[in-house]
Amino acid sequence: MPDIALISYIIVMSITPGPNNLMLATSGVNFGLKRTLPHLVGISLGCAVLCLCITFSLSTIITHISAIRLPLAVFGCLYLLWLSWKIWLSGSPVGREHAAPMTLVGAMLFQWVNPKAWLMLINAAILFTAKEGNIINSTLLLSGSFSIIGFPCVYVWAWMGDRLQQTLRVGWRLRVFNGLMAGSLAITAGWLLLDEWRTFRALV
């Protein structure tokens, strides 16, 4: 059984605003909860798989983290900026015609370039992996905990977006909402990139 500290950590890190949750809220508004479910499941599975990989290879990752962290963060933040542009376009009639929710596989793969996911999972691997005993059991428990406990936390964001659909049916309201979400995601990307750059400068 996961302990209270781990459960609290997963809930706080999963439910607070971040790239995944901003995109889920936007998808809920634009496509509804049902069409957003693959995106939801993809996030949970993607975090679980990434957690497994990080925990099993923790010693190697810690040794080389300074070399891989900044390139991953740059790529991830550029992808977030591209997503924010797509969200902005989805507020226009032309953009909405070609818009589609993120797929399960796309959401899983996105976790590998999501700076918040890496930070959350590396910290969890360091703090909550058993120092003694069966490392496989400990890793599976940690990964499963993120998938099971994290799912309802991110579900809330998609559900809230879905509930807002009626309110945002008016064209200009939807454009304003998508604009705010696009701006928030772009700001998040910039903040994450700045934070990673400061960390990189401190390490070199």
N, C-alpha and C. Protein backbone atom coordinates (compact mmCIF):
# COMPACT_ATOMS: atom_id res chain seq x y z
N MET A 1 0.84 -1.21 0.00
CA MET A 1 0.00 0.00 0.00
C MET A 1 0.87 1.26 0.00
N PRO A 2 0.58 2.24 -0.87
CA PRO A 2 1.33 3.50 -0.83
C PRO A 2 1.08 4.25 0.46
N ASP A 3 2.08 4.95 0.98
CA ASP A 3 1.89 5.66 2.24
C ASP A 3 1.23 7.01 2.02
N ILE A 4 0.83 7.65 3.12
CA ILE A 4 0.10 8.91 3.06
C ILE A 4 0.92 9.99 2.37
N ALA A 5 2.23 10.02 2.65
CA ALA A 5 3.09 11.04 2.04
C ALA A 5 3.10 10.92 0.52
N LEU A 6 3.19 9.69 0.03
CA LEU A 6 3.20 9.47 -1.42
C LEU A 6 1.86 9.86 -2.04
N ILE A 7 0.77 9.46 -1.39
CA ILE A 7 -0.57 9.81 -1.89
C ILE A 7 -0.74 11.32 -1.96
N SER A 8 -0.32 12.02 -0.91
CA SER A 8 -0.43 13.48 -0.87
C SER A 8 0.41 14.11 -1.97
N TYR A 9 1.62 13.58 -2.16
CA TYR A 9 2.52 14.11 -3.19
C TYR A 9 1.89 13.96 -4.58
N ILE A 10 1.35 12.79 -4.88
CA ILE A 10 0.76 12.54 -6.19
C ILE A 10 -0.45 13.45 -6.43
N ILE A 11 -1.30 13.59 -5.40
CA ILE A 11 -2.50 14.42 -5.54
C ILE A 11 -2.12 15.87 -5.81
N VAL A 12 -1.20 16.40 -5.01
CA VAL A 12 -0.81 17.81 -5.15
C VAL A 12 -0.17 18.06 -6.51
N MET A 13 0.76 17.17 -6.91
CA MET A 13 1.47 17.37 -8.17
C MET A 13 0.57 17.14 -9.38
N SER A 14 -0.42 16.26 -9.25
CA SER A 14 -1.28 15.93 -10.38
C SER A 14 -2.41 16.92 -10.58
N ILE A 15 -2.92 17.50 -9.49
CA ILE A 15 -4.12 18.33 -9.60
C ILE A 15 -3.81 19.80 -9.79
N THR A 16 -2.57 20.21 -9.50
CA THR A 16 -2.21 21.62 -9.67
C THR A 16 -2.02 21.95 -11.15
N PRO A 17 -2.19 23.23 -11.52
CA PRO A 17 -2.08 23.60 -12.94
C PRO A 17 -0.74 23.24 -13.55
N GLY A 18 -0.78 22.78 -14.75
CA GLY A 18 0.43 22.43 -15.50
C GLY A 18 0.04 22.17 -16.94
N PRO A 19 0.99 21.82 -17.80
CA PRO A 19 0.68 21.61 -19.22
C PRO A 19 -0.44 20.59 -19.44
N ASN A 20 -0.36 19.44 -18.77
CA ASN A 20 -1.40 18.42 -18.96
C ASN A 20 -2.79 18.94 -18.62
N ASN A 21 -2.91 19.57 -17.46
CA ASN A 21 -4.22 20.00 -16.99
C ASN A 21 -4.79 21.15 -17.81
N LEU A 22 -3.94 22.07 -18.24
CA LEU A 22 -4.41 23.15 -19.11
C LEU A 22 -4.93 22.60 -20.43
N MET A 23 -4.22 21.61 -20.98
CA MET A 23 -4.67 21.01 -22.24
C MET A 23 -5.95 20.21 -22.05
N LEU A 24 -6.09 19.54 -20.91
CA LEU A 24 -7.30 18.76 -20.64
C LEU A 24 -8.52 19.68 -20.52
N ALA A 25 -8.37 20.79 -19.80
CA ALA A 25 -9.48 21.73 -19.65
C ALA A 25 -9.89 22.28 -21.02
N THR A 26 -8.90 22.61 -21.83
CA THR A 26 -9.19 23.12 -23.17
C THR A 26 -9.86 22.06 -24.04
N SER A 27 -9.38 20.83 -23.96
CA SER A 27 -9.98 19.74 -24.72
C SER A 27 -11.41 19.47 -24.26
N GLY A 28 -11.65 19.54 -22.94
CA GLY A 28 -13.00 19.35 -22.42
C GLY A 28 -13.96 20.38 -22.96
N VAL A 29 -13.52 21.63 -23.03
CA VAL A 29 -14.36 22.71 -23.56
C VAL A 29 -14.64 22.52 -25.04
N ASN A 30 -13.61 22.20 -25.81
CA ASN A 30 -13.73 22.16 -27.26
C ASN A 30 -14.28 20.85 -27.81
N PHE A 31 -14.05 19.74 -27.11
CA PHE A 31 -14.44 18.44 -27.65
C PHE A 31 -15.35 17.63 -26.73
N GLY A 32 -15.52 18.06 -25.49
CA GLY A 32 -16.35 17.31 -24.56
C GLY A 32 -15.56 16.24 -23.82
N LEU A 33 -16.14 15.74 -22.74
CA LEU A 33 -15.45 14.79 -21.87
C LEU A 33 -15.21 13.45 -22.57
N LYS A 34 -16.19 12.96 -23.30
CA LYS A 34 -16.08 11.64 -23.93
C LYS A 34 -14.92 11.59 -24.91
N ARG A 35 -14.80 12.61 -25.75
CA ARG A 35 -13.72 12.62 -26.75
C ARG A 35 -12.36 12.93 -26.13
N THR A 36 -12.37 13.42 -24.88
CA THR A 36 -11.12 13.73 -24.18
C THR A 36 -10.60 12.53 -23.40
N LEU A 37 -11.41 11.48 -23.24
CA LEU A 37 -11.00 10.32 -22.44
C LEU A 37 -9.70 9.66 -22.91
N PRO A 38 -9.47 9.48 -24.23
CA PRO A 38 -8.17 8.92 -24.64
C PRO A 38 -6.99 9.77 -24.17
N HIS A 39 -7.16 11.09 -24.22
CA HIS A 39 -6.13 12.01 -23.73
C HIS A 39 -5.88 11.76 -22.24
N LEU A 40 -6.96 11.63 -21.47
CA LEU A 40 -6.87 11.37 -20.03
C LEU A 40 -6.12 10.07 -19.74
N VAL A 41 -6.54 9.00 -20.40
CA VAL A 41 -5.92 7.70 -20.17
C VAL A 41 -4.46 7.72 -20.61
N GLY A 42 -4.18 8.41 -21.71
CA GLY A 42 -2.81 8.51 -22.19
C GLY A 42 -1.89 9.19 -21.20
N ILE A 43 -2.38 10.22 -20.51
CA ILE A 43 -1.57 10.89 -19.49
C ILE A 43 -1.23 9.93 -18.36
N SER A 44 -2.25 9.21 -17.87
CA SER A 44 -2.03 8.28 -16.76
C SER A 44 -1.06 7.16 -17.14
N LEU A 45 -1.27 6.58 -18.32
CA LEU A 45 -0.39 5.50 -18.76
C LEU A 45 1.01 6.03 -19.06
N GLY A 46 1.07 7.20 -19.68
CA GLY A 46 2.38 7.78 -20.01
C GLY A 46 3.20 8.07 -18.77
N CYS A 47 2.56 8.62 -17.74
CA CYS A 47 3.26 8.89 -16.47
C CYS A 47 3.72 7.59 -15.83
N ALA A 48 2.88 6.56 -15.90
CA ALA A 48 3.24 5.27 -15.30
C ALA A 48 4.45 4.66 -15.99
N VAL A 49 4.46 4.69 -17.33
CA VAL A 49 5.59 4.13 -18.08
C VAL A 49 6.86 4.94 -17.84
N LEU A 50 6.73 6.27 -17.87
CA LEU A 50 7.90 7.12 -17.62
C LEU A 50 8.43 6.91 -16.22
N CYS A 51 7.52 6.74 -15.25
CA CYS A 51 7.93 6.48 -13.87
C CYS A 51 8.71 5.17 -13.76
N LEU A 52 8.24 4.14 -14.45
CA LEU A 52 8.95 2.86 -14.46
C LEU A 52 10.36 3.02 -15.00
N CYS A 53 10.48 3.70 -16.13
CA CYS A 53 11.79 3.88 -16.76
C CYS A 53 12.73 4.70 -15.89
N ILE A 54 12.20 5.78 -15.30
CA ILE A 54 13.04 6.63 -14.45
C ILE A 54 13.51 5.88 -13.23
N THR A 55 12.61 5.17 -12.56
CA THR A 55 12.96 4.49 -11.32
C THR A 55 13.95 3.36 -11.55
N PHE A 56 13.74 2.58 -12.61
CA PHE A 56 14.65 1.47 -12.90
C PHE A 56 16.05 1.96 -13.29
N SER A 57 16.12 3.12 -13.90
CA SER A 57 17.42 3.63 -14.36
C SER A 57 17.84 4.88 -13.58
N LEU A 58 17.41 4.95 -12.32
CA LEU A 58 17.62 6.15 -11.52
C LEU A 58 19.09 6.54 -11.41
N SER A 59 19.95 5.57 -11.15
CA SER A 59 21.37 5.90 -10.95
C SER A 59 21.98 6.50 -12.20
N THR A 60 21.63 5.97 -13.37
CA THR A 60 22.16 6.50 -14.63
C THR A 60 21.61 7.89 -14.90
N ILE A 61 20.32 8.08 -14.66
CA ILE A 61 19.69 9.38 -14.90
C ILE A 61 20.32 10.45 -14.02
N ILE A 62 20.53 10.13 -12.75
CA ILE A 62 21.12 11.12 -11.84
C ILE A 62 22.52 11.49 -12.30
N THR A 63 23.28 10.51 -12.80
CA THR A 63 24.64 10.77 -13.26
C THR A 63 24.66 11.70 -14.46
N HIS A 64 23.71 11.54 -15.36
CA HIS A 64 23.71 12.29 -16.62
C HIS A 64 22.61 13.34 -16.70
N ILE A 65 21.96 13.63 -15.59
CA ILE A 65 20.80 14.52 -15.65
C ILE A 65 21.15 15.91 -16.16
N SER A 66 22.34 16.40 -15.80
CA SER A 66 22.71 17.75 -16.25
C SER A 66 22.88 17.81 -17.76
N ALA A 67 23.22 16.67 -18.38
CA ALA A 67 23.43 16.65 -19.83
C ALA A 67 22.12 16.54 -20.59
N ILE A 68 21.14 15.82 -20.04
CA ILE A 68 19.89 15.59 -20.79
C ILE A 68 18.75 16.50 -20.37
N ARG A 69 18.87 17.12 -19.19
CA ARG A 69 17.72 17.86 -18.67
C ARG A 69 17.39 19.09 -19.52
N LEU A 70 18.39 19.91 -19.85
CA LEU A 70 18.13 21.13 -20.60
C LEU A 70 17.62 20.84 -22.02
N PRO A 71 18.26 19.93 -22.79
CA PRO A 71 17.71 19.65 -24.12
C PRO A 71 16.26 19.14 -24.08
N LEU A 72 15.94 18.29 -23.12
CA LEU A 72 14.56 17.81 -22.97
C LEU A 72 13.62 18.96 -22.66
N ALA A 73 14.06 19.84 -21.76
CA ALA A 73 13.21 20.97 -21.37
C ALA A 73 12.97 21.91 -22.55
N VAL A 74 14.03 22.18 -23.33
CA VAL A 74 13.89 23.06 -24.50
C VAL A 74 12.91 22.46 -25.50
N PHE A 75 13.11 21.17 -25.81
CA PHE A 75 12.21 20.52 -26.77
C PHE A 75 10.78 20.51 -26.25
N GLY A 76 10.62 20.18 -24.96
CA GLY A 76 9.29 20.14 -24.37
C GLY A 76 8.61 21.49 -24.38
N CYS A 77 9.35 22.54 -24.06
CA CYS A 77 8.76 23.88 -24.01
C CYS A 77 8.42 24.39 -25.41
N LEU A 78 9.25 24.07 -26.39
CA LEU A 78 8.93 24.44 -27.77
C LEU A 78 7.65 23.74 -28.23
N TYR A 79 7.51 22.48 -27.81
CA TYR A 79 6.29 21.75 -28.15
C TYR A 79 5.08 22.38 -27.46
N LEU A 80 5.25 22.83 -26.22
CA LEU A 80 4.16 23.51 -25.51
C LEU A 80 3.76 24.80 -26.22
N LEU A 81 4.75 25.54 -26.72
CA LEU A 81 4.45 26.77 -27.45
C LEU A 81 3.68 26.46 -28.74
N TRP A 82 4.06 25.37 -29.41
CA TRP A 82 3.34 24.96 -30.61
C TRP A 82 1.89 24.59 -30.26
N LEU A 83 1.71 23.87 -29.13
CA LEU A 83 0.37 23.51 -28.69
C LEU A 83 -0.45 24.74 -28.34
N SER A 84 0.19 25.74 -27.71
CA SER A 84 -0.54 26.96 -27.36
C SER A 84 -1.01 27.68 -28.63
N TRP A 85 -0.20 27.62 -29.70
CA TRP A 85 -0.60 28.22 -30.97
C TRP A 85 -1.80 27.47 -31.57
N LYS A 86 -1.78 26.14 -31.47
CA LYS A 86 -2.89 25.33 -31.97
C LYS A 86 -4.17 25.63 -31.19
N ILE A 87 -4.03 25.80 -29.87
CA ILE A 87 -5.20 26.13 -29.04
C ILE A 87 -5.75 27.49 -29.44
N TRP A 88 -4.87 28.44 -29.67
CA TRP A 88 -5.29 29.78 -30.10
C TRP A 88 -6.07 29.71 -31.42
N LEU A 89 -5.58 28.93 -32.37
CA LEU A 89 -6.25 28.79 -33.66
C LEU A 89 -7.60 28.10 -33.52
N SER A 90 -7.74 27.21 -32.51
CA SER A 90 -8.99 26.48 -32.37
C SER A 90 -10.14 27.39 -31.97
N GLY A 91 -9.85 28.64 -31.58
CA GLY A 91 -10.91 29.58 -31.26
C GLY A 91 -11.56 30.18 -32.48
N SER A 92 -10.94 30.00 -33.67
CA SER A 92 -11.52 30.55 -34.90
C SER A 92 -12.29 29.46 -35.63
N PRO A 93 -13.31 29.83 -36.42
CA PRO A 93 -14.10 28.82 -37.14
C PRO A 93 -13.25 27.93 -38.03
N VAL A 94 -12.25 28.50 -38.71
CA VAL A 94 -11.40 27.71 -39.59
C VAL A 94 -10.58 26.73 -38.79
N GLY A 95 -10.03 27.21 -37.67
CA GLY A 95 -9.22 26.34 -36.83
C GLY A 95 -10.00 25.19 -36.24
N ARG A 96 -11.26 25.43 -35.85
CA ARG A 96 -12.07 24.39 -35.22
C ARG A 96 -12.43 23.28 -36.21
N GLU A 97 -12.53 23.61 -37.49
CA GLU A 97 -12.86 22.61 -38.48
C GLU A 97 -11.80 21.51 -38.55
N HIS A 98 -10.56 21.88 -38.31
CA HIS A 98 -9.45 20.94 -38.44
C HIS A 98 -8.93 20.47 -37.09
N ALA A 99 -9.56 20.90 -35.99
CA ALA A 99 -9.08 20.55 -34.66
C ALA A 99 -9.54 19.15 -34.28
N ALA A 100 -8.74 18.49 -33.46
CA ALA A 100 -9.08 17.16 -32.96
C ALA A 100 -8.44 16.99 -31.60
N PRO A 101 -9.07 16.22 -30.70
CA PRO A 101 -8.46 15.99 -29.38
C PRO A 101 -7.19 15.16 -29.49
N MET A 102 -6.33 15.26 -28.49
CA MET A 102 -5.10 14.48 -28.48
C MET A 102 -5.43 13.00 -28.31
N THR A 103 -4.70 12.16 -29.02
CA THR A 103 -4.93 10.71 -28.94
C THR A 103 -4.27 10.13 -27.69
N LEU A 104 -4.62 8.88 -27.38
CA LEU A 104 -4.03 8.19 -26.23
C LEU A 104 -2.52 8.08 -26.38
N VAL A 105 -2.07 7.65 -27.55
CA VAL A 105 -0.63 7.49 -27.78
C VAL A 105 0.07 8.85 -27.75
N GLY A 106 -0.56 9.86 -28.35
CA GLY A 106 0.03 11.20 -28.33
C GLY A 106 0.19 11.73 -26.92
N ALA A 107 -0.81 11.49 -26.07
CA ALA A 107 -0.73 11.94 -24.68
C ALA A 107 0.34 11.18 -23.91
N MET A 108 0.48 9.88 -24.20
CA MET A 108 1.55 9.09 -23.56
C MET A 108 2.92 9.62 -23.94
N LEU A 109 3.12 9.85 -25.24
CA LEU A 109 4.43 10.32 -25.71
C LEU A 109 4.74 11.72 -25.22
N PHE A 110 3.71 12.54 -25.04
CA PHE A 110 3.94 13.91 -24.58
C PHE A 110 4.59 13.95 -23.21
N GLN A 111 4.33 12.93 -22.37
CA GLN A 111 4.91 12.93 -21.03
C GLN A 111 6.45 12.90 -21.07
N TRP A 112 7.01 12.36 -22.15
CA TRP A 112 8.47 12.28 -22.27
C TRP A 112 9.11 13.63 -22.54
N VAL A 113 8.32 14.61 -22.96
CA VAL A 113 8.88 15.96 -23.19
C VAL A 113 8.18 16.99 -22.29
N ASN A 114 7.42 16.51 -21.32
CA ASN A 114 6.72 17.40 -20.39
C ASN A 114 7.64 17.67 -19.19
N PRO A 115 8.19 18.89 -19.07
CA PRO A 115 9.13 19.17 -17.97
C PRO A 115 8.53 18.91 -16.59
N LYS A 116 7.24 19.24 -16.40
CA LYS A 116 6.64 19.02 -15.09
C LYS A 116 6.58 17.53 -14.76
N ALA A 117 6.29 16.68 -15.75
CA ALA A 117 6.23 15.24 -15.52
C ALA A 117 7.59 14.71 -15.10
N TRP A 118 8.65 15.15 -15.77
CA TRP A 118 10.00 14.70 -15.40
C TRP A 118 10.35 15.13 -13.97
N LEU A 119 10.08 16.38 -13.65
CA LEU A 119 10.39 16.87 -12.31
C LEU A 119 9.61 16.08 -11.26
N MET A 120 8.32 15.89 -11.50
CA MET A 120 7.46 15.18 -10.56
C MET A 120 7.91 13.74 -10.36
N LEU A 121 8.25 13.05 -11.44
CA LEU A 121 8.56 11.63 -11.36
C LEU A 121 9.97 11.36 -10.86
N ILE A 122 10.92 12.22 -11.22
CA ILE A 122 12.28 12.04 -10.69
C ILE A 122 12.29 12.27 -9.18
N ASN A 123 11.61 13.32 -8.73
CA ASN A 123 11.52 13.57 -7.29
C ASN A 123 10.87 12.39 -6.56
N ALA A 124 9.80 11.86 -7.16
CA ALA A 124 9.10 10.73 -6.54
C ALA A 124 10.00 9.51 -6.47
N ALA A 125 10.75 9.26 -7.54
CA ALA A 125 11.64 8.10 -7.57
C ALA A 125 12.71 8.21 -6.49
N ILE A 126 13.22 9.43 -6.29
CA ILE A 126 14.24 9.64 -5.26
C ILE A 126 13.66 9.52 -3.86
N LEU A 127 12.48 10.10 -3.66
CA LEU A 127 11.91 10.18 -2.32
C LEU A 127 11.18 8.92 -1.86
N PHE A 128 10.55 8.22 -2.81
CA PHE A 128 9.62 7.17 -2.40
C PHE A 128 10.01 5.76 -2.83
N THR A 129 11.10 5.60 -3.59
CA THR A 129 11.56 4.26 -3.90
C THR A 129 12.23 3.66 -2.68
N ALA A 130 11.89 2.43 -2.37
CA ALA A 130 12.45 1.78 -1.18
C ALA A 130 13.96 1.67 -1.31
N LYS A 131 14.66 2.05 -0.25
CA LYS A 131 16.12 1.97 -0.26
C LYS A 131 16.60 0.52 -0.10
N GLU A 132 15.75 -0.30 0.51
CA GLU A 132 16.08 -1.71 0.69
C GLU A 132 14.89 -2.55 0.24
N GLY A 133 15.15 -3.85 0.01
CA GLY A 133 14.06 -4.74 -0.37
C GLY A 133 13.96 -4.89 -1.87
N ASN A 134 12.82 -5.35 -2.32
CA ASN A 134 12.61 -5.67 -3.73
C ASN A 134 12.36 -4.39 -4.54
N ILE A 135 13.33 -4.00 -5.35
CA ILE A 135 13.23 -2.77 -6.13
C ILE A 135 12.12 -2.86 -7.17
N ILE A 136 11.89 -4.08 -7.69
CA ILE A 136 10.84 -4.25 -8.70
C ILE A 136 9.46 -3.97 -8.11
N ASN A 137 9.20 -4.55 -6.93
CA ASN A 137 7.91 -4.31 -6.27
C ASN A 137 7.72 -2.84 -5.94
N SER A 138 8.80 -2.21 -5.45
CA SER A 138 8.75 -0.80 -5.09
C SER A 138 8.46 0.06 -6.31
N THR A 139 9.10 -0.26 -7.43
CA THR A 139 8.92 0.51 -8.65
C THR A 139 7.51 0.34 -9.22
N LEU A 140 7.02 -0.89 -9.22
CA LEU A 140 5.66 -1.14 -9.71
C LEU A 140 4.62 -0.45 -8.85
N LEU A 141 4.84 -0.43 -7.53
CA LEU A 141 3.92 0.25 -6.63
C LEU A 141 3.90 1.75 -6.91
N LEU A 142 5.08 2.33 -7.10
CA LEU A 142 5.17 3.77 -7.37
C LEU A 142 4.50 4.11 -8.70
N SER A 143 4.80 3.33 -9.73
CA SER A 143 4.23 3.58 -11.04
C SER A 143 2.71 3.41 -11.02
N GLY A 144 2.24 2.33 -10.39
CA GLY A 144 0.80 2.10 -10.30
C GLY A 144 0.09 3.19 -9.52
N SER A 145 0.75 3.70 -8.48
CA SER A 145 0.16 4.76 -7.67
C SER A 145 -0.05 6.02 -8.49
N PHE A 146 0.93 6.37 -9.33
CA PHE A 146 0.78 7.55 -10.18
C PHE A 146 -0.36 7.38 -11.16
N SER A 147 -0.48 6.20 -11.72
CA SER A 147 -1.53 5.96 -12.71
C SER A 147 -2.92 5.99 -12.07
N ILE A 148 -3.08 5.32 -10.92
CA ILE A 148 -4.40 5.18 -10.29
C ILE A 148 -4.81 6.44 -9.54
N ILE A 149 -3.90 6.99 -8.74
CA ILE A 149 -4.24 8.17 -7.93
C ILE A 149 -4.26 9.43 -8.78
N GLY A 150 -3.37 9.48 -9.78
CA GLY A 150 -3.29 10.68 -10.62
C GLY A 150 -4.47 10.83 -11.57
N PHE A 151 -5.08 9.70 -11.98
CA PHE A 151 -6.16 9.78 -12.98
C PHE A 151 -7.32 10.65 -12.53
N PRO A 152 -7.91 10.44 -11.34
CA PRO A 152 -9.03 11.31 -10.94
C PRO A 152 -8.63 12.78 -10.79
N CYS A 153 -7.34 13.02 -10.49
CA CYS A 153 -6.88 14.40 -10.33
C CYS A 153 -6.89 15.14 -11.67
N VAL A 154 -6.42 14.48 -12.72
CA VAL A 154 -6.42 15.13 -14.03
C VAL A 154 -7.82 15.09 -14.66
N TYR A 155 -8.61 14.08 -14.27
CA TYR A 155 -9.99 13.96 -14.76
C TYR A 155 -10.79 15.22 -14.41
N VAL A 156 -10.53 15.76 -13.22
CA VAL A 156 -11.25 16.95 -12.76
C VAL A 156 -11.14 18.08 -13.77
N TRP A 157 -9.96 18.26 -14.36
CA TRP A 157 -9.76 19.36 -15.31
C TRP A 157 -10.55 19.15 -16.59
N ALA A 158 -10.56 17.93 -17.10
CA ALA A 158 -11.36 17.65 -18.30
C ALA A 158 -12.84 17.80 -17.99
N TRP A 159 -13.27 17.35 -16.82
CA TRP A 159 -14.68 17.47 -16.42
C TRP A 159 -15.09 18.93 -16.31
N MET A 160 -14.24 19.77 -15.72
CA MET A 160 -14.55 21.19 -15.61
C MET A 160 -14.67 21.83 -16.98
N GLY A 161 -13.77 21.44 -17.88
CA GLY A 161 -13.85 21.95 -19.25
C GLY A 161 -15.15 21.54 -19.92
N ASP A 162 -15.54 20.27 -19.72
CA ASP A 162 -16.78 19.78 -20.30
C ASP A 162 -17.99 20.54 -19.75
N ARG A 163 -17.98 20.85 -18.45
CA ARG A 163 -19.09 21.58 -17.83
C ARG A 163 -19.19 23.01 -18.38
N LEU A 164 -18.07 23.54 -18.83
CA LEU A 164 -18.06 24.91 -19.34
C LEU A 164 -18.55 25.01 -20.79
N GLN A 165 -18.75 23.86 -21.43
CA GLN A 165 -19.14 23.88 -22.84
C GLN A 165 -20.39 24.72 -23.09
N GLN A 166 -21.42 24.55 -22.26
CA GLN A 166 -22.66 25.28 -22.46
C GLN A 166 -22.44 26.79 -22.33
N THR A 167 -21.66 27.17 -21.31
CA THR A 167 -21.39 28.59 -21.08
C THR A 167 -20.62 29.20 -22.24
N LEU A 168 -19.76 28.40 -22.86
CA LEU A 168 -18.86 28.93 -23.89
C LEU A 168 -19.34 28.64 -25.31
N ARG A 169 -20.62 28.30 -25.44
CA ARG A 169 -21.15 28.04 -26.78
C ARG A 169 -21.11 29.29 -27.67
N VAL A 170 -21.26 30.46 -27.05
CA VAL A 170 -21.19 31.72 -27.81
C VAL A 170 -19.77 31.87 -28.35
N GLY A 171 -19.67 32.18 -29.65
CA GLY A 171 -18.38 32.20 -30.32
C GLY A 171 -17.31 33.04 -29.64
N TRP A 172 -17.64 34.27 -29.27
CA TRP A 172 -16.62 35.15 -28.71
C TRP A 172 -16.14 34.65 -27.35
N ARG A 173 -17.04 34.02 -26.57
CA ARG A 173 -16.63 33.47 -25.27
C ARG A 173 -15.62 32.33 -25.45
N LEU A 174 -15.88 31.48 -26.43
CA LEU A 174 -14.96 30.37 -26.69
C LEU A 174 -13.62 30.89 -27.16
N ARG A 175 -13.64 31.93 -28.02
CA ARG A 175 -12.37 32.52 -28.48
C ARG A 175 -11.58 33.10 -27.32
N VAL A 176 -12.29 33.76 -26.38
CA VAL A 176 -11.62 34.33 -25.21
C VAL A 176 -11.03 33.22 -24.34
N PHE A 177 -11.82 32.16 -24.11
CA PHE A 177 -11.34 31.05 -23.29
C PHE A 177 -10.10 30.40 -23.90
N ASN A 178 -10.19 30.08 -25.20
CA ASN A 178 -9.05 29.44 -25.86
C ASN A 178 -7.83 30.38 -25.87
N GLY A 179 -8.09 31.66 -26.00
CA GLY A 179 -7.00 32.62 -25.95
C GLY A 179 -6.32 32.64 -24.58
N LEU A 180 -7.13 32.61 -23.53
CA LEU A 180 -6.59 32.58 -22.16
C LEU A 180 -5.80 31.29 -21.92
N MET A 181 -6.35 30.14 -22.38
CA MET A 181 -5.66 28.86 -22.20
C MET A 181 -4.36 28.83 -23.00
N ALA A 182 -4.41 29.37 -24.23
CA ALA A 182 -3.20 29.41 -25.05
C ALA A 182 -2.14 30.29 -24.40
N GLY A 183 -2.56 31.46 -23.88
CA GLY A 183 -1.63 32.35 -23.20
C GLY A 183 -1.05 31.72 -21.95
N SER A 184 -1.91 31.03 -21.18
CA SER A 184 -1.45 30.37 -19.95
C SER A 184 -0.43 29.28 -20.25
N LEU A 185 -0.69 28.51 -21.31
CA LEU A 185 0.24 27.44 -21.68
C LEU A 185 1.56 28.02 -22.17
N ALA A 186 1.50 29.11 -22.93
CA ALA A 186 2.73 29.75 -23.41
C ALA A 186 3.54 30.31 -22.25
N ILE A 187 2.86 30.93 -21.28
CA ILE A 187 3.54 31.46 -20.09
C ILE A 187 4.16 30.32 -19.29
N THR A 188 3.40 29.22 -19.15
CA THR A 188 3.92 28.04 -18.45
C THR A 188 5.19 27.53 -19.12
N ALA A 189 5.16 27.45 -20.45
CA ALA A 189 6.34 26.99 -21.18
C ALA A 189 7.53 27.92 -20.94
N GLY A 190 7.29 29.22 -21.00
CA GLY A 190 8.37 30.18 -20.77
C GLY A 190 8.92 30.10 -19.36
N TRP A 191 8.03 29.95 -18.38
CA TRP A 191 8.47 29.86 -16.98
C TRP A 191 9.28 28.60 -16.75
N LEU A 192 8.81 27.46 -17.30
CA LEU A 192 9.54 26.20 -17.14
C LEU A 192 10.92 26.28 -17.79
N LEU A 193 10.97 26.88 -18.97
CA LEU A 193 12.25 26.99 -19.68
C LEU A 193 13.22 27.89 -18.92
N LEU A 194 12.72 29.00 -18.39
CA LEU A 194 13.58 29.90 -17.60
C LEU A 194 14.10 29.19 -16.36
N ASP A 195 13.22 28.43 -15.70
CA ASP A 195 13.62 27.70 -14.50
C ASP A 195 14.68 26.66 -14.81
N GLU A 196 14.51 25.94 -15.94
CA GLU A 196 15.49 24.94 -16.34
C GLU A 196 16.81 25.59 -16.71
N TRP A 197 16.78 26.76 -17.35
CA TRP A 197 18.01 27.46 -17.71
C TRP A 197 18.76 27.88 -16.46
N ARG A 198 18.05 28.38 -15.46
CA ARG A 198 18.69 28.76 -14.20
C ARG A 198 19.32 27.55 -13.52
N THR A 199 18.63 26.42 -13.56
CA THR A 199 19.18 25.18 -12.97
C THR A 199 20.43 24.75 -13.71
N PHE A 200 20.40 24.83 -15.04
CA PHE A 200 21.55 24.46 -15.86
C PHE A 200 22.75 25.36 -15.56
N ARG A 201 22.49 26.66 -15.46
CA ARG A 201 23.59 27.61 -15.17
C ARG A 201 24.19 27.35 -13.79
N ALA A 202 23.36 26.92 -12.85
CA ALA A 202 23.85 26.65 -11.49
C ALA A 202 24.70 25.38 -11.45
N LEU A 203 24.46 24.46 -12.40
CA LEU A 203 25.19 23.20 -12.40
C LEU A 203 26.51 23.28 -13.13
N VAL A 204 26.64 24.25 -14.07
CA VAL A 204 27.87 24.32 -14.87
C VAL A 204 28.86 25.32 -14.25
